[in-house]
PDB file of N, CA and C in Angstrom:
ATOM      1  N   PHE A   1       4.281  31.622   2.488  1.00  0.00           N
ATOM      2  CA  PHE A   1       3.156  32.228   1.827  1.00  0.00           C
ATOM      3  C   PHE A   1       3.420  33.690   1.474  1.00  0.00           C
ATOM      4  N   GLU A   2       4.145  34.361   2.349  1.00  0.00           N
ATOM      5  CA  GLU A   2       4.419  35.773   2.100  1.00  0.00           C
ATOM      6  C   GLU A   2       5.210  35.976   0.817  1.00  0.00           C
ATOM      7  N   ALA A   3       6.058  35.014   0.477  1.00  0.00           N
ATOM      8  CA  ALA A   3       6.877  35.124  -0.737  1.00  0.00           C
ATOM      9  C   ALA A   3       6.025  35.203  -1.998  1.00  0.00           C
ATOM     10  N   VAL A   4       4.810  34.656  -1.939  1.00  0.00           N
ATOM     11  CA  VAL A   4       3.933  34.690  -3.112  1.00  0.00           C
ATOM     12  C   VAL A   4       2.738  35.609  -2.903  1.00  0.00           C
ATOM     13  N   GLY A   5       2.825  36.462  -1.871  1.00  0.00           N
ATOM     14  CA  GLY A   5       1.799  37.476  -1.665  1.00  0.00           C
ATOM     15  C   GLY A   5       0.573  37.013  -0.901  1.00  0.00           C
ATOM     16  N   ILE A   6       0.674  35.913  -0.186  1.00  0.00           N
ATOM     17  CA  ILE A   6      -0.457  35.432   0.610  1.00  0.00           C
ATOM     18  C   ILE A   6      -0.147  35.701   2.073  1.00  0.00           C
ATOM     19  N   SER A   7      -1.021  36.464   2.717  1.00  0.00           N
ATOM     20  CA  SER A   7      -0.804  36.731   4.136  1.00  0.00           C
ATOM     21  C   SER A   7      -1.890  36.033   4.943  1.00  0.00           C
ATOM     22  N   SER A   8      -1.494  35.511   6.083  1.00  0.00           N
ATOM     23  CA  SER A   8      -2.436  34.802   6.941  1.00  0.00           C
ATOM     24  C   SER A   8      -1.988  34.944   8.381  1.00  0.00           C
ATOM     25  N   SER A   9      -2.957  35.075   9.267  1.00  0.00           N
ATOM     26  CA  SER A   9      -2.635  35.136  10.690  1.00  0.00           C
ATOM     27  C   SER A   9      -2.729  33.750  11.325  1.00  0.00           C
ATOM     28  N   LYS A  10      -3.074  32.757  10.544  1.00  0.00           N
ATOM     29  CA  LYS A  10      -3.232  31.394  11.038  1.00  0.00           C
ATOM     30  C   LYS A  10      -2.026  30.545  10.671  1.00  0.00           C
ATOM     31  N   VAL A  11      -1.751  29.571  11.505  1.00  0.00           N
ATOM     32  CA  VAL A  11      -0.696  28.603  11.204  1.00  0.00           C
ATOM     33  C   VAL A  11      -1.319  27.522  10.331  1.00  0.00           C
ATOM     34  N   THR A  12      -0.657  27.201   9.253  1.00  0.00           N
ATOM     35  CA  THR A  12      -1.199  26.181   8.361  1.00  0.00           C
ATOM     36  C   THR A  12      -0.533  24.838   8.620  1.00  0.00           C
ATOM     37  N   HIS A  13      -1.291  23.804   8.457  1.00  0.00           N
ATOM     38  CA  HIS A  13      -0.791  22.449   8.663  1.00  0.00           C
ATOM     39  C   HIS A  13      -0.865  21.649   7.367  1.00  0.00           C
ATOM     40  N   ILE A  14      -0.810  22.329   6.233  1.00  0.00           N
ATOM     41  CA  ILE A  14      -0.956  21.660   4.951  1.00  0.00           C
ATOM     42  C   ILE A  14       0.134  20.622   4.718  1.00  0.00           C
ATOM     43  N   ASN A  15       1.370  20.912   5.140  1.00  0.00           N
ATOM     44  CA  ASN A  15       2.440  19.928   4.945  1.00  0.00           C
ATOM     45  C   ASN A  15       2.200  18.683   5.779  1.00  0.00           C
ATOM     46  N   GLN A  16       1.740  18.859   7.014  1.00  0.00           N
ATOM     47  CA  GLN A  16       1.427  17.701   7.851  1.00  0.00           C
ATOM     48  C   GLN A  16       0.316  16.877   7.222  1.00  0.00           C
ATOM     49  N   LYS A  17      -0.715  17.548   6.739  1.00  0.00           N
ATOM     50  CA  LYS A  17      -1.860  16.838   6.167  1.00  0.00           C
ATOM     51  C   LYS A  17      -1.463  16.084   4.910  1.00  0.00           C
ATOM     52  N   SER A  18      -0.723  16.711   4.026  1.00  0.00           N
ATOM     53  CA  SER A  18      -0.352  16.034   2.779  1.00  0.00           C
ATOM     54  C   SER A  18       0.627  14.899   3.043  1.00  0.00           C
ATOM     55  N   ALA A  19       1.548  15.076   3.984  1.00  0.00           N
ATOM     56  CA  ALA A  19       2.510  14.014   4.299  1.00  0.00           C
ATOM     57  C   ALA A  19       1.807  12.812   4.911  1.00  0.00           C
ATOM     58  N   ILE A  20       0.901  13.052   5.841  1.00  0.00           N
ATOM     59  CA  ILE A  20       0.229  11.937   6.500  1.00  0.00           C
ATOM     60  C   ILE A  20      -0.691  11.213   5.533  1.00  0.00           C
ATOM     61  N   ASN A  21      -1.293  11.933   4.597  1.00  0.00           N
ATOM     62  CA  ASN A  21      -2.109  11.277   3.572  1.00  0.00           C
ATOM     63  C   ASN A  21      -1.245  10.408   2.670  1.00  0.00           C
ATOM     64  N   MET A  22      -0.064  10.899   2.318  1.00  0.00           N
ATOM     65  CA  MET A  22       0.824  10.140   1.446  1.00  0.00           C
ATOM     66  C   MET A  22       1.264   8.846   2.119  1.00  0.00           C
ATOM     67  N   VAL A  23       1.705   8.916   3.374  1.00  0.00           N
ATOM     68  CA  VAL A  23       2.169   7.703   4.040  1.00  0.00           C
ATOM     69  C   VAL A  23       1.015   6.751   4.332  1.00  0.00           C
ATOM     70  N   SER A  24      -0.156   7.288   4.577  1.00  0.00           N
ATOM     71  CA  SER A  24      -1.325   6.447   4.812  1.00  0.00           C
ATOM     72  C   SER A  24      -1.675   5.642   3.567  1.00  0.00           C
ATOM     73  N   HIS A  25      -1.634   6.272   2.412  1.00  0.00           N
ATOM     74  CA  HIS A  25      -1.944   5.576   1.157  1.00  0.00           C
ATOM     75  C   HIS A  25      -0.902   4.529   0.802  1.00  0.00           C
ATOM     76  N   GLN A  26       0.293   4.637   1.373  1.00  0.00           N
ATOM     77  CA  GLN A  26       1.347   3.659   1.104  1.00  0.00           C
ATOM     78  C   GLN A  26       1.353   2.525   2.121  1.00  0.00           C
ATOM     79  N   GLY A  27       0.422   2.530   3.053  1.00  0.00           N
ATOM     80  CA  GLY A  27       0.285   1.417   3.978  1.00  0.00           C
ATOM     81  C   GLY A  27       1.064   1.515   5.273  1.00  0.00           C
ATOM     82  N   VAL A  28       1.538   2.696   5.628  1.00  0.00           N
ATOM     83  CA  VAL A  28       2.249   2.865   6.897  1.00  0.00           C
ATOM     84  C   VAL A  28       1.244   2.715   8.038  1.00  0.00           C
ATOM     85  N   SER A  29       1.640   2.002   9.087  1.00  0.00           N
ATOM     86  CA  SER A  29       0.727   1.747  10.205  1.00  0.00           C
ATOM     87  C   SER A  29       0.295   3.054  10.875  1.00  0.00           C
ATOM     88  N   SER A  30      -0.893   3.011  11.458  1.00  0.00           N
ATOM     89  CA  SER A  30      -1.399   4.213  12.127  1.00  0.00           C
ATOM     90  C   SER A  30      -0.543   4.568  13.340  1.00  0.00           C
ATOM     91  N   ASP A  31       0.075   3.565  13.981  1.00  0.00           N
ATOM     92  CA  ASP A  31       0.972   3.859  15.102  1.00  0.00           C
ATOM     93  C   ASP A  31       2.155   4.702  14.642  1.00  0.00           C
ATOM     94  N   GLN A  32       2.742   4.344  13.499  1.00  0.00           N
ATOM     95  CA  GLN A  32       3.874   5.120  12.992  1.00  0.00           C
ATOM     96  C   GLN A  32       3.418   6.488  12.496  1.00  0.00           C
ATOM     97  N   GLN A  33       2.215   6.573  11.962  1.00  0.00           N
ATOM     98  CA  GLN A  33       1.695   7.873  11.540  1.00  0.00           C
ATOM     99  C   GLN A  33       1.559   8.791  12.751  1.00  0.00           C
ATOM    100  N   ARG A  34       1.006   8.278  13.828  1.00  0.00           N
ATOM    101  CA  ARG A  34       0.863   9.088  15.046  1.00  0.00           C
ATOM    102  C   ARG A  34       2.225   9.448  15.621  1.00  0.00           C
ATOM    103  N   GLN A  35       3.173   8.519  15.536  1.00  0.00           N
ATOM    104  CA  GLN A  35       4.508   8.778  16.082  1.00  0.00           C
ATOM    105  C   GLN A  35       5.181   9.932  15.355  1.00  0.00           C
ATOM    106  N   VAL A  36       5.139   9.926  14.034  1.00  0.00           N
ATOM    107  CA  VAL A  36       5.824  10.979  13.285  1.00  0.00           C
ATOM    108  C   VAL A  36       5.128  12.327  13.458  1.00  0.00           C
ATOM    109  N   GLY A  37       3.819  12.314  13.644  1.00  0.00           N
ATOM    110  CA  GLY A  37       3.085  13.562  13.837  1.00  0.00           C
ATOM    111  C   GLY A  37       2.980  13.984  15.282  1.00  0.00           C
ATOM    112  N   ARG A  38       3.483  13.131  16.187  1.00  0.00           N
ATOM    113  CA  ARG A  38       3.400  13.366  17.632  1.00  0.00           C
ATOM    114  C   ARG A  38       1.963  13.602  18.085  1.00  0.00           C
ATOM    115  N   TRP A  39       1.062  12.776  17.552  1.00  0.00           N
ATOM    116  CA  TRP A  39      -0.340  12.859  17.923  1.00  0.00           C
ATOM    117  C   TRP A  39      -0.647  11.813  18.983  1.00  0.00           C
ATOM    118  N   GLU A  40      -1.172  12.261  20.108  1.00  0.00           N
ATOM    119  CA  GLU A  40      -1.617  11.387  21.184  1.00  0.00           C
ATOM    120  C   GLU A  40      -0.543  10.387  21.597  1.00  0.00           C
ATOM    121  N   LEU A  41       0.644  10.849  21.811  1.00  0.00           N
ATOM    122  CA  LEU A  41       1.730   9.955  22.203  1.00  0.00           C
ATOM    123  C   LEU A  41       1.845   9.894  23.717  1.00  0.00           C
ATOM    124  N   ASP A  42       2.150   8.716  24.227  1.00  0.00           N
ATOM    125  CA  ASP A  42       2.356   8.611  25.667  1.00  0.00           C
ATOM    126  C   ASP A  42       3.769   9.076  26.022  1.00  0.00           C
ATOM    127  N   ARG A  43       4.055   9.171  27.294  1.00  0.00           N
ATOM    128  CA  ARG A  43       5.344   9.700  27.747  1.00  0.00           C
ATOM    129  C   ARG A  43       6.531   8.904  27.232  1.00  0.00           C
ATOM    130  N   MET A  44       6.407   7.575  27.165  1.00  0.00           N
ATOM    131  CA  MET A  44       7.525   6.765  26.701  1.00  0.00           C
ATOM    132  C   MET A  44       7.956   7.185  25.297  1.00  0.00           C
ATOM    133  N   VAL A  45       6.997   7.340  24.410  1.00  0.00           N
ATOM    134  CA  VAL A  45       7.321   7.696  23.031  1.00  0.00           C
ATOM    135  C   VAL A  45       7.871   9.114  22.953  1.00  0.00           C
ATOM    136  N   VAL A  46       7.257  10.039  23.659  1.00  0.00           N
ATOM    137  CA  VAL A  46       7.675  11.437  23.596  1.00  0.00           C
ATOM    138  C   VAL A  46       9.062  11.644  24.185  1.00  0.00           C
ATOM    139  N   PHE A  47       9.341  11.009  25.330  1.00  0.00           N
ATOM    140  CA  PHE A  47      10.574  11.312  26.047  1.00  0.00           C
ATOM    141  C   PHE A  47      11.688  10.283  25.898  1.00  0.00           C
ATOM    142  N   TYR A  48      11.357   9.037  25.595  1.00  0.00           N
ATOM    143  CA  TYR A  48      12.384   8.002  25.637  1.00  0.00           C
ATOM    144  C   TYR A  48      12.655   7.311  24.307  1.00  0.00           C
ATOM    145  N   LEU A  49      11.689   7.219  23.453  1.00  0.00           N
ATOM    146  CA  LEU A  49      11.869   6.505  22.198  1.00  0.00           C
ATOM    147  C   LEU A  49      12.707   7.344  21.245  1.00  0.00           C
ATOM    148  N   SER A  50      13.839   6.808  20.822  1.00  0.00           N
ATOM    149  CA  SER A  50      14.717   7.579  19.941  1.00  0.00           C
ATOM    150  C   SER A  50      14.627   7.127  18.490  1.00  0.00           C
ATOM    151  N   ASP A  51      14.041   5.962  18.245  1.00  0.00           N
ATOM    152  CA  ASP A  51      13.934   5.478  16.868  1.00  0.00           C
ATOM    153  C   ASP A  51      12.907   6.289  16.094  1.00  0.00           C
ATOM    154  N   LEU A  52      13.231   6.560  14.874  1.00  0.00           N
ATOM    155  CA  LEU A  52      12.287   7.232  13.993  1.00  0.00           C
ATOM    156  C   LEU A  52      11.441   6.173  13.305  1.00  0.00           C
ATOM    157  N   PRO A  53      10.203   6.484  12.956  1.00  0.00           N
ATOM    158  CA  PRO A  53       9.352   5.503  12.286  1.00  0.00           C
ATOM    159  C   PRO A  53       9.864   5.252  10.861  1.00  0.00           C
ATOM    160  N   ILE A  54      10.552   4.149  10.666  1.00  0.00           N
ATOM    161  CA  ILE A  54      11.274   3.882   9.430  1.00  0.00           C
ATOM    162  C   ILE A  54      10.364   3.833   8.202  1.00  0.00           C
ATOM    163  N   ASN A  55       9.158   3.292   8.342  1.00  0.00           N
ATOM    164  CA  ASN A  55       8.278   3.223   7.172  1.00  0.00           C
ATOM    165  C   ASN A  55       7.832   4.606   6.716  1.00  0.00           C
ATOM    166  N   VAL A  56       7.617   5.502   7.653  1.00  0.00           N
ATOM    167  CA  VAL A  56       7.259   6.878   7.290  1.00  0.00           C
ATOM    168  C   VAL A  56       8.413   7.526   6.531  1.00  0.00           C
ATOM    169  N   ILE A  57       9.617   7.335   7.024  1.00  0.00           N
ATOM    170  CA  ILE A  57      10.791   7.923   6.380  1.00  0.00           C
ATOM    171  C   ILE A  57      10.953   7.379   4.963  1.00  0.00           C
ATOM    172  N   LYS A  58      10.767   6.068   4.795  1.00  0.00           N
ATOM    173  CA  LYS A  58      10.877   5.463   3.458  1.00  0.00           C
ATOM    174  C   LYS A  58       9.873   6.076   2.491  1.00  0.00           C
ATOM    175  N   VAL A  59       8.613   6.159   2.925  1.00  0.00           N
ATOM    176  CA  VAL A  59       7.562   6.676   2.041  1.00  0.00           C
ATOM    177  C   VAL A  59       7.799   8.138   1.701  1.00  0.00           C
ATOM    178  N   LEU A  60       8.152   8.953   2.680  1.00  0.00           N
ATOM    179  CA  LEU A  60       8.390  10.370   2.410  1.00  0.00           C
ATOM    180  C   LEU A  60       9.596  10.582   1.503  1.00  0.00           C
ATOM    181  N   ALA A  61      10.516   9.606   1.485  1.00  0.00           N
ATOM    182  CA  ALA A  61      11.680   9.684   0.595  1.00  0.00           C
ATOM    183  C   ALA A  61      11.383   9.101  -0.783  1.00  0.00           C
ATOM    184  N   GLY A  62      10.162   8.609  -0.975  1.00  0.00           N
ATOM    185  CA  GLY A  62       9.771   8.108  -2.292  1.00  0.00           C
ATOM    186  C   GLY A  62       9.942   6.610  -2.481  1.00  0.00           C
ATOM    187  N   PHE A  63      10.172   5.871  -1.395  1.00  0.00           N
ATOM    188  CA  PHE A  63      10.358   4.426  -1.493  1.00  0.00           C
ATOM    189  C   PHE A  63       9.120   3.684  -1.009  1.00  0.00           C
ATOM    190  N   SER A  64       9.088   2.401  -1.258  1.00  0.00           N
ATOM    191  CA  SER A  64       7.998   1.539  -0.819  1.00  0.00           C
ATOM    192  C   SER A  64       8.326   0.968   0.555  1.00  0.00           C
ATOM    193  N   ILE A  65       7.284   0.578   1.304  1.00  0.00           N
ATOM    194  CA  ILE A  65       7.527  -0.070   2.591  1.00  0.00           C
ATOM    195  C   ILE A  65       7.485  -1.588   2.466  1.00  0.00           C
ATOM    196  N   ARG A  66       7.232  -2.079   1.269  1.00  0.00           N
ATOM    197  CA  ARG A  66       7.176  -3.535   1.071  1.00  0.00           C
ATOM    198  C   ARG A  66       8.580  -4.120   1.121  1.00  0.00           C
ATOM    199  N   ARG A  67       8.807  -5.042   2.044  1.00  0.00           N
ATOM    200  CA  ARG A  67      10.125  -5.646   2.244  1.00  0.00           C
ATOM    201  C   ARG A  67      10.631  -6.304   0.970  1.00  0.00           C
ATOM    202  N   GLU A  68       9.744  -6.957   0.238  1.00  0.00           N
ATOM    203  CA  GLU A  68      10.168  -7.677  -0.963  1.00  0.00           C
ATOM    204  C   GLU A  68      10.670  -6.750  -2.072  1.00  0.00           C
ATOM    205  N   ASP A  69      10.406  -5.477  -1.972  1.00  0.00           N
ATOM    206  CA  ASP A  69      10.934  -4.532  -2.960  1.00  0.00           C
ATOM    207  C   ASP A  69      12.439  -4.329  -2.805  1.00  0.00           C
ATOM    208  N   TYR A  70      12.985  -4.673  -1.633  1.00  0.00           N
ATOM    209  CA  TYR A  70      14.397  -4.443  -1.361  1.00  0.00           C
ATOM    210  C   TYR A  70      15.193  -5.725  -1.160  1.00  0.00           C
ATOM    211  N   PHE A  71      14.525  -6.780  -0.760  1.00  0.00           N
ATOM    212  CA  PHE A  71      15.207  -8.032  -0.455  1.00  0.00           C
ATOM    213  C   PHE A  71      14.657  -9.132  -1.352  1.00  0.00           C
ATOM    214  N   PRO A  72      15.308  -9.368  -2.499  1.00  0.00           N
ATOM    215  CA  PRO A  72      14.793 -10.385  -3.416  1.00  0.00           C
ATOM    216  C   PRO A  72      14.934 -11.785  -2.820  1.00  0.00           C
ATOM    217  N   ASP A  73      14.056 -12.665  -3.225  1.00  0.00           N
ATOM    218  CA  ASP A  73      14.122 -14.056  -2.803  1.00  0.00           C
ATOM    219  C   ASP A  73      15.256 -14.721  -3.568  1.00  0.00           C
ATOM    220  N   HIS A  74      16.335 -15.008  -2.882  1.00  0.00           N
ATOM    221  CA  HIS A  74      17.533 -15.541  -3.545  1.00  0.00           C
ATOM    222  C   HIS A  74      17.310 -16.934  -4.108  1.00  0.00           C
ATOM    223  N   ALA A  75      16.315 -17.637  -3.603  1.00  0.00           N
ATOM    224  CA  ALA A  75      16.065 -18.986  -4.090  1.00  0.00           C
ATOM    225  C   ALA A  75      15.526 -18.987  -5.520  1.00  0.00           C
ATOM    226  N   ILE A  76      14.951 -17.885  -5.961  1.00  0.00           N
ATOM    227  CA  ILE A  76      14.389 -17.859  -7.315  1.00  0.00           C
ATOM    228  C   ILE A  76      15.341 -17.241  -8.329  1.00  0.00           C
ATOM    229  N   ILE A  77      16.485 -16.763  -7.870  1.00  0.00           N
ATOM    230  CA  ILE A  77      17.453 -16.140  -8.767  1.00  0.00           C
ATOM    231  C   ILE A  77      18.633 -17.087  -8.949  1.00  0.00           C
ATOM    232  N   THR A  78      18.879 -17.463 -10.188  1.00  0.00           N
ATOM    233  CA  THR A  78      20.033 -18.309 -10.486  1.00  0.00           C
ATOM    234  C   THR A  78      21.109 -17.440 -11.114  1.00  0.00           C
ATOM    235  N   PRO A  79      22.257 -17.309 -10.442  1.00  0.00           N
ATOM    236  CA  PRO A  79      23.327 -16.475 -10.995  1.00  0.00           C
ATOM    237  C   PRO A  79      23.885 -17.093 -12.278  1.00  0.00           C
ATOM    238  N   PRO A  80      24.415 -16.267 -13.164  1.00  0.00           N
ATOM    239  CA  PRO A  80      25.022 -16.786 -14.391  1.00  0.00           C
ATOM    240  C   PRO A  80      26.152 -17.766 -14.051  1.00  0.00           C
ATOM    241  N   ILE A  81      26.376 -18.732 -14.915  1.00  0.00           N
ATOM    242  CA  ILE A  81      27.386 -19.765 -14.690  1.00  0.00           C
ATOM    243  C   ILE A  81      28.770 -19.163 -14.475  1.00  0.00           C
ATOM    244  N   GLU A  82      29.078 -18.061 -15.183  1.00  0.00           N
ATOM    245  CA  GLU A  82      30.377 -17.401 -15.016  1.00  0.00           C
ATOM    246  C   GLU A  82      30.561 -16.918 -13.578  1.00  0.00           C
ATOM    247  N   LEU A  83      29.508 -16.386 -13.009  1.00  0.00           N
ATOM    248  CA  LEU A  83      29.566 -15.911 -11.631  1.00  0.00           C
ATOM    249  C   LEU A  83      29.675 -17.089 -10.663  1.00  0.00           C
ATOM    250  N   GLN A  84      28.938 -18.142 -10.922  1.00  0.00           N
ATOM    251  CA  GLN A  84      29.011 -19.327 -10.069  1.00  0.00           C
ATOM    252  C   GLN A  84      30.425 -19.909 -10.054  1.00  0.00           C
ATOM    253  N   GLN A  85      31.087 -19.903 -11.188  1.00  0.00           N
ATOM    254  CA  GLN A  85      32.432 -20.467 -11.290  1.00  0.00           C
ATOM    255  C   GLN A  85      33.463 -19.612 -10.553  1.00  0.00           C
ATOM    256  N   MET A  86      33.175 -18.337 -10.352  1.00  0.00           N
ATOM    257  CA  MET A  86      34.097 -17.448  -9.650  1.00  0.00           C
ATOM    258  C   MET A  86      34.092 -17.700  -8.141  1.00  0.00           C
ATOM    259  N   ILE A  87      33.048 -18.345  -7.667  1.00  0.00           N
ATOM    260  CA  ILE A  87      32.908 -18.553  -6.219  1.00  0.00           C
ATOM    261  C   ILE A  87      33.635 -19.809  -5.784  1.00  0.00           C
TER     262      ILE A  87
END
């Protein structure tokens, strides 16, 4: 804020708020939202869980959390005959 001439004695949480709103609108579970924000986490999650909430990471990177967006149903795709003959 100082770079643009705004001074404040308060800590702002605007990035947290906008990020959590974005992932919420994309359908990320509330458990993963709490995990990434470290809100109301029990000891296991805070001290022992090393996995990052993958759906939050996908959404913040601009991707969808829908599995079908990444894994096409191979039964509905027929490869070209040239490709079939190569196998």
